[in-house]
């Protein structure tokens, strides 16, 4: 969240990406920073996934990511 905040303050669009169990933590951190970052949450867990599974997770999120980066 801090990285996305820093990017946005520098004029570079960014989207916060995390796995689903971090929804509440991201909301709390955004509130404390006073920054409503664009967010995408993906399946959990990540660390034990095969390359094919990671590609599938990324593919399921890419349209939302692009929309948040290029939208209003």
PDB file of N, CA and C in Angstrom:
ATOM      1  N   UNK A   1       0.819  -1.181   0.000  1.00  0.00           N
ATOM      2  CA  UNK A   1       0.000   0.000   0.000  1.00  0.00           C
ATOM      3  C   UNK A   1       0.871   1.256   0.000  1.00  0.00           C
ATOM      4  N   UNK A   2       1.945   1.218   0.747  1.00  0.00           N
ATOM      5  CA  UNK A   2       2.851   2.375   0.762  1.00  0.00           C
ATOM      6  C   UNK A   2       3.448   2.617  -0.620  1.00  0.00           C
ATOM      7  N   UNK A   3       3.827   1.540  -1.307  1.00  0.00           N
ATOM      8  CA  UNK A   3       4.418   1.683  -2.645  1.00  0.00           C
ATOM      9  C   UNK A   3       3.428   2.308  -3.623  1.00  0.00           C
ATOM     10  N   UNK A   4       2.186   1.845  -3.600  1.00  0.00           N
ATOM     11  CA  UNK A   4       1.179   2.397  -4.502  1.00  0.00           C
ATOM     12  C   UNK A   4       0.921   3.857  -4.157  1.00  0.00           C
ATOM     13  N   UNK A   5       0.871   4.160  -2.883  1.00  0.00           N
ATOM     14  CA  UNK A   5       0.698   5.543  -2.435  1.00  0.00           C
ATOM     15  C   UNK A   5       1.826   6.421  -2.978  1.00  0.00           C
ATOM     16  N   UNK A   6       3.064   5.959  -2.848  1.00  0.00           N
ATOM     17  CA  UNK A   6       4.212   6.721  -3.353  1.00  0.00           C
ATOM     18  C   UNK A   6       4.157   6.899  -4.871  1.00  0.00           C
ATOM     19  N   UNK A   7       3.784   5.843  -5.583  1.00  0.00           N
ATOM     20  CA  UNK A   7       3.661   5.951  -7.041  1.00  0.00           C
ATOM     21  C   UNK A   7       2.618   6.990  -7.423  1.00  0.00           C
ATOM     22  N   UNK A   8       1.442   6.872  -6.818  1.00  0.00           N
ATOM     23  CA  UNK A   8       0.350   7.799  -7.138  1.00  0.00           C
ATOM     24  C   UNK A   8       0.734   9.243  -6.829  1.00  0.00           C
ATOM     25  N   UNK A   9       1.410   9.472  -5.719  1.00  0.00           N
ATOM     26  CA  UNK A   9       1.839  10.831  -5.369  1.00  0.00           C
ATOM     27  C   UNK A   9       2.863  11.363  -6.364  1.00  0.00           C
ATOM     28  N   UNK A  10       3.560  10.450  -7.044  1.00  0.00           N
ATOM     29  CA  UNK A  10       4.541  10.843  -8.060  1.00  0.00           C
ATOM     30  C   UNK A  10       3.905  10.977  -9.442  1.00  0.00           C
ATOM     31  N   UNK A  11       2.604  10.757  -9.530  1.00  0.00           N
ATOM     32  CA  UNK A  11       1.909  10.869 -10.807  1.00  0.00           C
ATOM     33  C   UNK A  11       1.907   9.597 -11.627  1.00  0.00           C
ATOM     34  N   UNK A  12       2.314   8.489 -11.030  1.00  0.00           N
ATOM     35  CA  UNK A  12       2.347   7.206 -11.730  1.00  0.00           C
ATOM     36  C   UNK A  12       1.180   6.363 -11.228  1.00  0.00           C
ATOM     37  N   UNK A  13       0.257   5.976 -12.112  1.00  0.00           N
ATOM     38  CA  UNK A  13      -0.882   5.178 -11.662  1.00  0.00           C
ATOM     39  C   UNK A  13      -0.429   3.821 -11.148  1.00  0.00           C
ATOM     40  N   UNK A  14      -1.110   3.350 -10.129  1.00  0.00           N
ATOM     41  CA  UNK A  14      -0.776   2.058  -9.562  1.00  0.00           C
ATOM     42  C   UNK A  14      -2.002   1.360  -9.020  1.00  0.00           C
ATOM     43  N   UNK A  15      -1.914   0.047  -8.897  1.00  0.00           N
ATOM     44  CA  UNK A  15      -2.985  -0.763  -8.328  1.00  0.00           C
ATOM     45  C   UNK A  15      -2.361  -1.696  -7.304  1.00  0.00           C
ATOM     46  N   UNK A  16      -2.951  -1.743  -6.141  1.00  0.00           N
ATOM     47  CA  UNK A  16      -2.512  -2.628  -5.063  1.00  0.00           C
ATOM     48  C   UNK A  16      -3.048  -4.021  -5.363  1.00  0.00           C
ATOM     49  N   UNK A  17      -2.195  -5.037  -5.355  1.00  0.00           N
ATOM     50  CA  UNK A  17      -2.608  -6.418  -5.608  1.00  0.00           C
ATOM     51  C   UNK A  17      -2.198  -7.267  -4.417  1.00  0.00           C
ATOM     52  N   UNK A  18      -3.145  -8.023  -3.890  1.00  0.00           N
ATOM     53  CA  UNK A  18      -2.874  -8.924  -2.771  1.00  0.00           C
ATOM     54  C   UNK A  18      -3.830 -10.101  -2.865  1.00  0.00           C
ATOM     55  N   UNK A  19      -3.578 -11.110  -2.057  1.00  0.00           N
ATOM     56  CA  UNK A  19      -4.492 -12.243  -2.041  1.00  0.00           C
ATOM     57  C   UNK A  19      -5.641 -11.963  -1.063  1.00  0.00           C
ATOM     58  N   UNK A  20      -6.723 -12.679  -1.253  1.00  0.00           N
ATOM     59  CA  UNK A  20      -8.004 -12.419  -0.600  1.00  0.00           C
ATOM     60  C   UNK A  20      -7.966 -12.256   0.925  1.00  0.00           C
ATOM     61  N   UNK A  21      -7.165 -12.989   1.671  1.00  0.00           N
ATOM     62  CA  UNK A  21      -7.193 -12.808   3.123  1.00  0.00           C
ATOM     63  C   UNK A  21      -6.732 -11.427   3.599  1.00  0.00           C
ATOM     64  N   UNK A  22      -6.195 -10.619   2.724  1.00  0.00           N
ATOM     65  CA  UNK A  22      -5.657  -9.327   3.123  1.00  0.00           C
ATOM     66  C   UNK A  22      -6.610  -8.158   2.834  1.00  0.00           C
ATOM     67  N   UNK A  23      -7.868  -8.450   2.545  1.00  0.00           N
ATOM     68  CA  UNK A  23      -8.850  -7.402   2.250  1.00  0.00           C
ATOM     69  C   UNK A  23      -8.972  -6.432   3.420  1.00  0.00           C
ATOM     70  N   UNK A  24      -9.186  -6.956   4.613  1.00  0.00           N
ATOM     71  CA  UNK A  24      -9.369  -6.088   5.784  1.00  0.00           C
ATOM     72  C   UNK A  24      -8.099  -5.315   6.123  1.00  0.00           C
ATOM     73  N   UNK A  25      -6.958  -5.980   6.057  1.00  0.00           N
ATOM     74  CA  UNK A  25      -5.685  -5.316   6.364  1.00  0.00           C
ATOM     75  C   UNK A  25      -5.427  -4.181   5.373  1.00  0.00           C
ATOM     76  N   UNK A  26      -5.739  -4.401   4.102  1.00  0.00           N
ATOM     77  CA  UNK A  26      -5.543  -3.359   3.092  1.00  0.00           C
ATOM     78  C   UNK A  26      -6.462  -2.172   3.357  1.00  0.00           C
ATOM     79  N   UNK A  27      -7.691  -2.447   3.739  1.00  0.00           N
ATOM     80  CA  UNK A  27      -8.630  -1.363   4.032  1.00  0.00           C
ATOM     81  C   UNK A  27      -8.153  -0.540   5.225  1.00  0.00           C
ATOM     82  N   UNK A  28      -7.683  -1.209   6.266  1.00  0.00           N
ATOM     83  CA  UNK A  28      -7.190  -0.488   7.445  1.00  0.00           C
ATOM     84  C   UNK A  28      -5.963   0.346   7.118  1.00  0.00           C
ATOM     85  N   UNK A  29      -5.042  -0.234   6.345  1.00  0.00           N
ATOM     86  CA  UNK A  29      -3.827   0.501   5.995  1.00  0.00           C
ATOM     87  C   UNK A  29      -4.153   1.700   5.110  1.00  0.00           C
ATOM     88  N   UNK A  30      -5.060   1.522   4.162  1.00  0.00           N
ATOM     89  CA  UNK A  30      -5.462   2.631   3.296  1.00  0.00           C
ATOM     90  C   UNK A  30      -6.093   3.747   4.122  1.00  0.00           C
ATOM     91  N   UNK A  31      -6.930   3.378   5.071  1.00  0.00           N
ATOM     92  CA  UNK A  31      -7.567   4.379   5.927  1.00  0.00           C
ATOM     93  C   UNK A  31      -6.522   5.149   6.730  1.00  0.00           C
ATOM     94  N   UNK A  32      -5.559   4.437   7.283  1.00  0.00           N
ATOM     95  CA  UNK A  32      -4.520   5.092   8.075  1.00  0.00           C
ATOM     96  C   UNK A  32      -3.636   6.006   7.233  1.00  0.00           C
ATOM     97  N   UNK A  33      -3.435   5.621   5.978  1.00  0.00           N
ATOM     98  CA  UNK A  33      -2.641   6.468   5.085  1.00  0.00           C
ATOM     99  C   UNK A  33      -3.456   7.621   4.502  1.00  0.00           C
ATOM    100  N   UNK A  34      -4.772   7.535   4.638  1.00  0.00           N
ATOM    101  CA  UNK A  34      -5.626   8.539   4.026  1.00  0.00           C
ATOM    102  C   UNK A  34      -5.596   8.454   2.517  1.00  0.00           C
ATOM    103  N   UNK A  35      -5.496   7.236   2.016  1.00  0.00           N
ATOM    104  CA  UNK A  35      -5.300   7.007   0.578  1.00  0.00           C
ATOM    105  C   UNK A  35      -6.180   5.847   0.142  1.00  0.00           C
ATOM    106  N   UNK A  36      -7.091   6.089  -0.783  1.00  0.00           N
ATOM    107  CA  UNK A  36      -7.990   5.051  -1.267  1.00  0.00           C
ATOM    108  C   UNK A  36      -7.428   4.448  -2.541  1.00  0.00           C
ATOM    109  N   UNK A  37      -6.516   3.514  -2.382  1.00  0.00           N
ATOM    110  CA  UNK A  37      -5.847   2.892  -3.525  1.00  0.00           C
ATOM    111  C   UNK A  37      -6.788   1.973  -4.286  1.00  0.00           C
ATOM    112  N   UNK A  38      -6.604   1.932  -5.600  1.00  0.00           N
ATOM    113  CA  UNK A  38      -7.279   0.924  -6.406  1.00  0.00           C
ATOM    114  C   UNK A  38      -6.716  -0.427  -5.968  1.00  0.00           C
ATOM    115  N   UNK A  39      -7.601  -1.421  -5.814  1.00  0.00           N
ATOM    116  CA  UNK A  39      -7.166  -2.719  -5.281  1.00  0.00           C
ATOM    117  C   UNK A  39      -7.746  -3.867  -6.073  1.00  0.00           C
ATOM    118  N   UNK A  40      -6.942  -4.911  -6.234  1.00  0.00           N
ATOM    119  CA  UNK A  40      -7.385  -6.162  -6.828  1.00  0.00           C
ATOM    120  C   UNK A  40      -6.926  -7.275  -5.900  1.00  0.00           C
ATOM    121  N   UNK A  41      -7.861  -8.156  -5.570  1.00  0.00           N
ATOM    122  CA  UNK A  41      -7.531  -9.287  -4.706  1.00  0.00           C
ATOM    123  C   UNK A  41      -7.672 -10.578  -5.498  1.00  0.00           C
ATOM    124  N   UNK A  42      -6.699 -11.443  -5.344  1.00  0.00           N
ATOM    125  CA  UNK A  42      -6.652 -12.706  -6.080  1.00  0.00           C
ATOM    126  C   UNK A  42      -6.754 -13.878  -5.109  1.00  0.00           C
ATOM    127  N   UNK A  43      -6.836 -15.067  -5.675  1.00  0.00           N
ATOM    128  CA  UNK A  43      -6.941 -16.292  -4.874  1.00  0.00           C
ATOM    129  C   UNK A  43      -5.769 -16.440  -3.907  1.00  0.00           C
ATOM    130  N   UNK A  44      -6.027 -17.150  -2.841  1.00  0.00           N
ATOM    131  CA  UNK A  44      -5.009 -17.451  -1.831  1.00  0.00           C
ATOM    132  C   UNK A  44      -4.987 -18.960  -1.647  1.00  0.00           C
ATOM    133  N   UNK A  45      -3.873 -19.566  -1.373  1.00  0.00           N
ATOM    134  CA  UNK A  45      -2.527 -19.023  -1.241  1.00  0.00           C
ATOM    135  C   UNK A  45      -1.836 -18.877  -2.589  1.00  0.00           C
ATOM    136  N   UNK A  46      -0.730 -18.164  -2.566  1.00  0.00           N
ATOM    137  CA  UNK A  46       0.060 -17.924  -3.771  1.00  0.00           C
ATOM    138  C   UNK A  46       1.337 -18.754  -3.781  1.00  0.00           C
ATOM    139  N   UNK A  47       2.013 -18.833  -2.644  1.00  0.00           N
ATOM    140  CA  UNK A  47       3.382 -19.350  -2.600  1.00  0.00           C
ATOM    141  C   UNK A  47       3.565 -20.779  -3.096  1.00  0.00           C
ATOM    142  N   UNK A  48       2.560 -21.632  -3.000  1.00  0.00           N
ATOM    143  CA  UNK A  48       2.737 -23.024  -3.411  1.00  0.00           C
ATOM    144  C   UNK A  48       2.148 -23.339  -4.784  1.00  0.00           C
ATOM    145  N   UNK A  49       1.868 -22.334  -5.559  1.00  0.00           N
ATOM    146  CA  UNK A  49       1.230 -22.534  -6.864  1.00  0.00           C
ATOM    147  C   UNK A  49       2.246 -22.906  -7.937  1.00  0.00           C
ATOM    148  N   UNK A  50       1.784 -23.693  -8.888  1.00  0.00           N
ATOM    149  CA  UNK A  50       2.611 -24.005 -10.050  1.00  0.00           C
ATOM    150  C   UNK A  50       2.620 -22.793 -10.978  1.00  0.00           C
ATOM    151  N   UNK A  51       3.519 -22.816 -11.939  1.00  0.00           N
ATOM    152  CA  UNK A  51       3.544 -21.732 -12.921  1.00  0.00           C
ATOM    153  C   UNK A  51       2.199 -21.625 -13.644  1.00  0.00           C
ATOM    154  N   UNK A  52       1.631 -22.750 -13.997  1.00  0.00           N
ATOM    155  CA  UNK A  52       0.352 -22.743 -14.708  1.00  0.00           C
ATOM    156  C   UNK A  52      -0.751 -22.136 -13.852  1.00  0.00           C
ATOM    157  N   UNK A  53      -0.766 -22.457 -12.572  1.00  0.00           N
ATOM    158  CA  UNK A  53      -1.763 -21.882 -11.675  1.00  0.00           C
ATOM    159  C   UNK A  53      -1.575 -20.374 -11.522  1.00  0.00           C
ATOM    160  N   UNK A  54      -0.321 -19.942 -11.443  1.00  0.00           N
ATOM    161  CA  UNK A  54      -0.042 -18.512 -11.327  1.00  0.00           C
ATOM    162  C   UNK A  54      -0.472 -17.767 -12.592  1.00  0.00           C
ATOM    163  N   UNK A  55      -0.250 -18.368 -13.765  1.00  0.00           N
ATOM    164  CA  UNK A  55      -0.711 -17.751 -15.009  1.00  0.00           C
ATOM    165  C   UNK A  55      -2.235 -17.612 -14.993  1.00  0.00           C
ATOM    166  N   UNK A  56      -2.930 -18.641 -14.520  1.00  0.00           N
ATOM    167  CA  UNK A  56      -4.392 -18.596 -14.462  1.00  0.00           C
ATOM    168  C   UNK A  56      -4.866 -17.499 -13.511  1.00  0.00           C
ATOM    169  N   UNK A  57      -4.224 -17.373 -12.364  1.00  0.00           N
ATOM    170  CA  UNK A  57      -4.588 -16.323 -11.405  1.00  0.00           C
ATOM    171  C   UNK A  57      -4.341 -14.947 -12.022  1.00  0.00           C
ATOM    172  N   UNK A  58      -3.184 -14.783 -12.644  1.00  0.00           N
ATOM    173  CA  UNK A  58      -2.863 -13.498 -13.287  1.00  0.00           C
ATOM    174  C   UNK A  58      -3.855 -13.195 -14.406  1.00  0.00           C
ATOM    175  N   UNK A  59      -4.164 -14.187 -15.212  1.00  0.00           N
ATOM    176  CA  UNK A  59      -5.109 -13.980 -16.314  1.00  0.00           C
ATOM    177  C   UNK A  59      -6.490 -13.592 -15.803  1.00  0.00           C
ATOM    178  N   UNK A  60      -6.880 -14.133 -14.649  1.00  0.00           N
ATOM    179  CA  UNK A  60      -8.202 -13.800 -14.105  1.00  0.00           C
ATOM    180  C   UNK A  60      -8.254 -12.369 -13.581  1.00  0.00           C
ATOM    181  N   UNK A  61      -7.111 -11.774 -13.280  1.00  0.00           N
ATOM    182  CA  UNK A  61      -7.070 -10.430 -12.706  1.00  0.00           C
ATOM    183  C   UNK A  61      -6.663  -9.347 -13.706  1.00  0.00           C
ATOM    184  N   UNK A  62      -6.112  -9.716 -14.839  1.00  0.00           N
ATOM    185  CA  UNK A  62      -5.494  -8.729 -15.735  1.00  0.00           C
ATOM    186  C   UNK A  62      -6.495  -7.710 -16.279  1.00  0.00           C
ATOM    187  N   UNK A  63      -7.693  -8.118 -16.633  1.00  0.00           N
ATOM    188  CA  UNK A  63      -8.663  -7.163 -17.171  1.00  0.00           C
ATOM    189  C   UNK A  63      -9.042  -6.117 -16.122  1.00  0.00           C
ATOM    190  N   UNK A  64      -9.239  -6.552 -14.882  1.00  0.00           N
ATOM    191  CA  UNK A  64      -9.556  -5.619 -13.809  1.00  0.00           C
ATOM    192  C   UNK A  64      -8.397  -4.665 -13.552  1.00  0.00           C
ATOM    193  N   UNK A  65      -7.178  -5.209 -13.568  1.00  0.00           N
ATOM    194  CA  UNK A  65      -5.993  -4.366 -13.373  1.00  0.00           C
ATOM    195  C   UNK A  65      -5.875  -3.297 -14.448  1.00  0.00           C
ATOM    196  N   UNK A  66      -6.022  -3.704 -15.692  1.00  0.00           N
ATOM    197  CA  UNK A  66      -5.920  -2.762 -16.797  1.00  0.00           C
ATOM    198  C   UNK A  66      -7.034  -1.712 -16.698  1.00  0.00           C
ATOM    199  N   UNK A  67      -8.234  -2.151 -16.356  1.00  0.00           N
ATOM    200  CA  UNK A  67      -9.338  -1.213 -16.207  1.00  0.00           C
ATOM    201  C   UNK A  67      -9.078  -0.173 -15.129  1.00  0.00           C
ATOM    202  N   UNK A  68      -8.525  -0.610 -14.009  1.00  0.00           N
ATOM    203  CA  UNK A  68      -8.215   0.330 -12.930  1.00  0.00           C
ATOM    204  C   UNK A  68      -7.078   1.272 -13.295  1.00  0.00           C
ATOM    205  N   UNK A  69      -6.115   0.777 -14.051  1.00  0.00           N
ATOM    206  CA  UNK A  69      -4.983   1.625 -14.444  1.00  0.00           C
ATOM    207  C   UNK A  69      -5.340   2.634 -15.523  1.00  0.00           C
ATOM    208  N   UNK A  70      -6.295   2.296 -16.363  1.00  0.00           N
ATOM    209  CA  UNK A  70      -6.591   3.160 -17.505  1.00  0.00           C
ATOM    210  C   UNK A  70      -7.921   3.885 -17.394  1.00  0.00           C
ATOM    211  N   UNK A  71      -8.728   3.513 -16.408  1.00  0.00           N
ATOM    212  CA  UNK A  71     -10.048   4.110 -16.251  1.00  0.00           C
ATOM    213  C   UNK A  71     -10.010   5.454 -15.561  1.00  0.00           C
ATOM    214  N   UNK A  72     -11.182   6.024 -15.388  1.00  0.00           N
ATOM    215  CA  UNK A  72     -11.279   7.344 -14.746  1.00  0.00           C
ATOM    216  C   UNK A  72     -10.842   7.330 -13.290  1.00  0.00           C
TER     217      UNK A  72
END
